[in-house]
Amino acid sequence: MDSGITVTGTGQATGAADLLRLTLSVGHDAADVAAAVAQVAERTDAVHAALSEQGVTADDLQTSSVNVYPQYADSMAVASYRASHSLTVTTRDLTGFGRLLNAAVDAAGNNLGLDHLQFDIEDKKPLMEQARELAFAQAREKAAQLATLSGQSLGAIAAVAESYSHAPFAMSLAAGKASDAYRSELSVTPGENTIQVSLDVRWNWA
């Protein structure tokens, strides 16, 4: 049987968001697949162009999903076909949400949906290191106390296992359509993001 002690330490570090990601979808219903796909392609291209005019680069505009599927009537017969194309837009202008949304609405009209909005941190390394240091300090403090309580002395570290979680601020939104509300400059608050690191540290007894 192994002789030693394993404890878990947890550390958290919080930082201000510097990225905004939003997922926009363009959808269209039509009597046949070809028409649905063609309309979505045309309006997606228009959204691309509109966002590019607002300073969004090609690297910050990505397809996240493409779907084509039948829609059924109550009789279970095919009533129409729906095509959709979802785009993930990344911007470092955290105050530009309303401007980008309005540009996309102007390009796609009522075929535009806003599905998701998330603030994130581009470079997480400094926060990871800070959280890791706090987690290790907590683990070492726990281990020292437990060693004293059990009448033992800590020896060398035998193993370390790490896990972490990142909790960006996100909003899941029902698929919306263009409305008077979108015409105003909607503002959102970035807030802060938290990274949590957990370390399972095993010490041998001295």
Protein backbone atom coordinates (compact mmCIF):
# COMPACT_ATOMS: atom_id res chain seq x y z
CA MET A 1 0.00 0.00 0.00
CA ASP A 2 1.33 3.45 -0.92
CA SER A 3 2.46 5.63 1.94
CA GLY A 4 1.66 9.30 1.59
CA ILE A 5 -1.11 11.80 1.19
CA THR A 6 -3.03 13.27 -1.78
CA VAL A 7 -4.79 16.62 -1.47
CA THR A 8 -6.61 18.90 -3.88
CA GLY A 9 -5.95 22.61 -4.12
CA THR A 10 -8.07 25.08 -6.07
CA GLY A 11 -7.17 28.55 -7.30
CA GLN A 12 -9.10 31.16 -9.23
CA ALA A 13 -7.98 34.17 -11.26
CA THR A 14 -10.24 36.77 -12.81
CA GLY A 15 -9.57 39.17 -15.66
CA ALA A 16 -11.39 41.65 -17.84
CA ALA A 17 -12.73 40.36 -21.15
CA ASP A 18 -11.04 41.61 -24.31
CA LEU A 19 -12.94 39.62 -26.96
CA LEU A 20 -16.57 39.57 -28.00
CA ARG A 21 -17.95 36.64 -29.98
CA LEU A 22 -21.43 36.58 -31.40
CA THR A 23 -23.15 33.88 -33.39
CA LEU A 24 -25.44 35.11 -36.14
CA SER A 25 -27.62 32.83 -38.24
CA VAL A 26 -29.16 33.39 -41.64
CA GLY A 27 -32.16 31.18 -42.41
CA HIS A 28 -34.75 30.88 -45.14
CA ASP A 29 -37.75 28.65 -45.89
CA ALA A 30 -38.64 27.70 -49.44
CA ALA A 31 -40.71 25.17 -51.33
CA ASP A 32 -37.61 23.35 -52.59
CA VAL A 33 -34.10 22.80 -51.33
CA ALA A 34 -32.36 24.67 -54.14
CA ALA A 35 -34.32 27.86 -53.52
CA ALA A 36 -33.74 27.73 -49.76
CA VAL A 37 -29.99 27.21 -50.19
CA ALA A 38 -29.71 29.92 -52.84
CA GLN A 39 -31.48 32.51 -50.70
CA VAL A 40 -29.36 31.71 -47.65
CA ALA A 41 -26.16 31.87 -49.69
CA GLU A 42 -27.11 35.27 -51.12
CA ARG A 43 -28.00 36.77 -47.75
CA THR A 44 -24.98 35.24 -46.02
CA ASP A 45 -22.74 36.87 -48.61
CA ALA A 46 -24.49 40.17 -47.90
CA VAL A 47 -23.86 39.78 -44.17
CA HIS A 48 -20.20 38.99 -44.86
CA ALA A 49 -19.87 42.15 -46.93
CA ALA A 50 -21.66 44.30 -44.36
CA LEU A 51 -19.48 43.08 -41.49
CA SER A 52 -16.33 43.56 -43.56
CA GLU A 53 -17.35 47.17 -44.09
CA GLN A 54 -17.53 47.48 -40.30
CA GLY A 55 -13.92 46.34 -39.97
CA VAL A 56 -14.40 42.61 -39.30
CA THR A 57 -11.56 40.73 -41.00
CA ALA A 58 -11.85 37.38 -42.77
CA ASP A 59 -9.92 35.71 -39.93
CA ASP A 60 -12.55 36.88 -37.43
CA LEU A 61 -15.55 35.60 -39.38
CA GLN A 62 -16.10 31.84 -39.43
CA THR A 63 -18.84 29.44 -40.40
CA SER A 64 -19.99 27.54 -37.31
CA SER A 65 -22.75 25.42 -38.91
CA VAL A 66 -24.73 24.87 -42.10
CA ASN A 67 -28.06 23.04 -42.09
CA VAL A 68 -30.68 22.03 -44.65
CA TYR A 69 -33.72 20.04 -43.57
CA PRO A 70 -37.39 19.45 -44.46
CA GLN A 71 -40.23 20.93 -42.43
CA TYR A 72 -43.38 18.85 -42.08
CA ALA A 73 -47.03 19.75 -42.04
CA ASP A 74 -49.52 18.22 -39.59
CA SER A 75 -50.09 15.43 -42.12
CA MET A 76 -46.37 14.62 -41.91
CA ALA A 77 -45.97 15.55 -45.55
CA VAL A 78 -43.04 17.81 -46.41
CA ALA A 79 -44.34 21.39 -46.35
CA SER A 80 -41.11 23.24 -47.11
CA TYR A 81 -37.37 23.16 -46.72
CA ARG A 82 -35.27 25.28 -44.39
CA ALA A 83 -31.66 26.21 -44.97
CA SER A 84 -29.52 28.03 -42.42
CA HIS A 85 -25.95 29.24 -42.13
CA SER A 86 -24.46 30.24 -38.76
CA LEU A 87 -21.52 32.61 -38.49
CA THR A 88 -19.27 33.27 -35.50
CA VAL A 89 -18.02 36.85 -35.45
CA THR A 90 -15.06 37.83 -33.24
CA THR A 91 -14.31 41.45 -32.44
CA ARG A 92 -12.02 43.26 -30.05
CA ASP A 93 -14.28 46.30 -30.09
CA LEU A 94 -16.33 45.48 -27.00
CA THR A 95 -18.54 48.52 -27.51
CA GLY A 96 -19.36 47.66 -31.14
CA PHE A 97 -22.03 45.02 -30.58
CA GLY A 98 -24.99 47.18 -31.62
CA ARG A 99 -23.17 48.52 -34.66
CA LEU A 100 -22.29 45.04 -35.95
CA LEU A 101 -25.75 43.69 -35.25
CA ASN A 102 -27.45 46.54 -37.08
CA ALA A 103 -25.15 46.09 -40.08
CA ALA A 104 -26.06 42.39 -40.25
CA VAL A 105 -29.77 43.18 -39.89
CA ASP A 106 -29.56 45.68 -42.73
CA ALA A 107 -27.96 42.98 -44.90
CA ALA A 108 -30.25 40.03 -44.08
CA GLY A 109 -33.46 41.60 -42.77
CA ASN A 110 -35.88 39.28 -41.01
CA ASN A 111 -33.80 36.27 -42.07
CA LEU A 112 -31.17 37.14 -39.47
CA GLY A 113 -31.06 35.52 -36.05
CA LEU A 114 -28.85 36.34 -33.07
CA ASP A 115 -28.18 33.01 -31.35
CA HIS A 116 -25.35 33.55 -28.89
CA LEU A 117 -23.13 36.23 -27.38
CA GLN A 118 -19.97 35.61 -25.36
CA PHE A 119 -17.20 37.70 -23.85
CA ASP A 120 -13.81 35.99 -23.60
CA ILE A 121 -10.11 36.58 -22.90
CA GLU A 122 -7.70 36.07 -25.78
CA ASP A 123 -4.52 35.35 -23.80
CA LYS A 124 -5.42 33.20 -20.81
CA LYS A 125 -1.84 32.20 -19.90
CA PRO A 126 -1.22 34.83 -17.16
CA LEU A 127 -4.52 33.97 -15.47
CA MET A 128 -3.77 30.25 -15.74
CA GLU A 129 -0.39 30.74 -14.08
CA GLN A 130 -1.87 32.85 -11.29
CA ALA A 131 -4.65 30.34 -10.63
CA ARG A 132 -2.14 27.47 -10.67
CA GLU A 133 0.08 29.16 -8.09
CA LEU A 134 -2.90 29.73 -5.80
CA ALA A 135 -4.03 26.12 -6.23
CA PHE A 136 -0.60 24.74 -5.35
CA ALA A 137 -0.28 27.00 -2.32
CA GLN A 138 -3.65 25.78 -1.07
CA ALA A 139 -2.71 22.13 -1.65
CA ARG A 140 0.58 22.54 0.19
CA GLU A 141 -1.15 24.25 3.13
CA LYS A 142 -3.71 21.45 3.38
CA ALA A 143 -1.05 18.76 3.15
CA ALA A 144 1.07 20.38 5.87
CA GLN A 145 -1.90 20.59 8.23
CA LEU A 146 -2.94 17.00 7.59
CA ALA A 147 0.62 15.80 8.07
CA THR A 148 0.78 17.55 11.45
CA LEU A 149 -2.58 16.14 12.50
CA SER A 150 -1.48 12.63 11.59
CA GLY A 151 1.96 12.91 13.17
CA GLN A 152 3.78 12.62 9.86
CA SER A 153 6.26 14.74 7.92
CA LEU A 154 5.92 15.58 4.25
CA GLY A 155 8.52 14.19 1.90
CA ALA A 156 8.94 14.64 -1.85
CA ILE A 157 6.06 15.22 -4.23
CA ALA A 158 5.20 12.00 -6.03
CA ALA A 159 2.62 13.21 -8.55
CA VAL A 160 0.62 16.24 -9.69
CA ALA A 161 -2.53 16.20 -11.82
CA GLU A 162 -4.18 19.36 -13.13
CA SER A 163 -7.64 20.25 -14.37
CA TYR A 164 -9.10 23.65 -15.13
CA SER A 165 -12.30 25.37 -16.10
CA HIS A 166 -12.96 28.67 -17.79
CA ALA A 167 -16.20 30.53 -17.26
CA PRO A 168 -16.64 33.18 -19.94
CA PHE A 169 -19.65 35.42 -19.68
CA ALA A 170 -22.19 34.15 -22.19
CA MET A 171 -25.73 34.92 -23.20
CA SER A 172 -27.86 32.35 -25.00
CA LEU A 173 -30.50 34.16 -26.96
CA ALA A 174 -33.61 32.90 -28.67
CA ALA A 175 -33.24 33.23 -32.41
CA GLY A 176 -34.33 36.78 -33.02
CA LYS A 177 -35.50 38.66 -36.07
CA ALA A 178 -35.03 42.21 -37.20
CA SER A 179 -37.17 44.60 -35.22
CA ASP A 180 -37.27 48.18 -34.05
CA ALA A 181 -35.28 47.08 -31.00
CA TYR A 182 -32.36 46.09 -33.23
CA ARG A 183 -32.37 49.55 -34.78
CA SER A 184 -31.12 51.09 -31.57
CA GLU A 185 -27.49 50.80 -30.55
CA LEU A 186 -27.79 47.89 -28.13
CA SER A 187 -25.10 47.95 -25.47
CA VAL A 188 -23.77 45.02 -23.46
CA THR A 189 -21.45 44.93 -20.47
CA PRO A 190 -18.28 42.79 -20.81
CA GLY A 191 -17.75 42.06 -17.12
CA GLU A 192 -14.97 39.69 -16.07
CA ASN A 193 -14.01 36.10 -16.85
CA THR A 194 -12.81 33.55 -14.30
CA ILE A 195 -10.34 30.71 -14.73
CA GLN A 196 -10.20 28.00 -12.08
CA VAL A 197 -7.37 25.49 -11.74
CA SER A 198 -7.50 22.37 -9.55
CA LEU A 199 -4.37 20.41 -8.64
CA ASP A 200 -4.31 16.93 -7.15
CA VAL A 201 -0.91 16.76 -5.45
CA ARG A 202 0.52 13.62 -3.86
CA TRP A 203 3.25 13.82 -1.23
CA ASN A 204 5.20 10.85 0.09
CA TRP A 205 5.77 10.74 3.82
CA ALA A 206 9.31 11.66 4.77
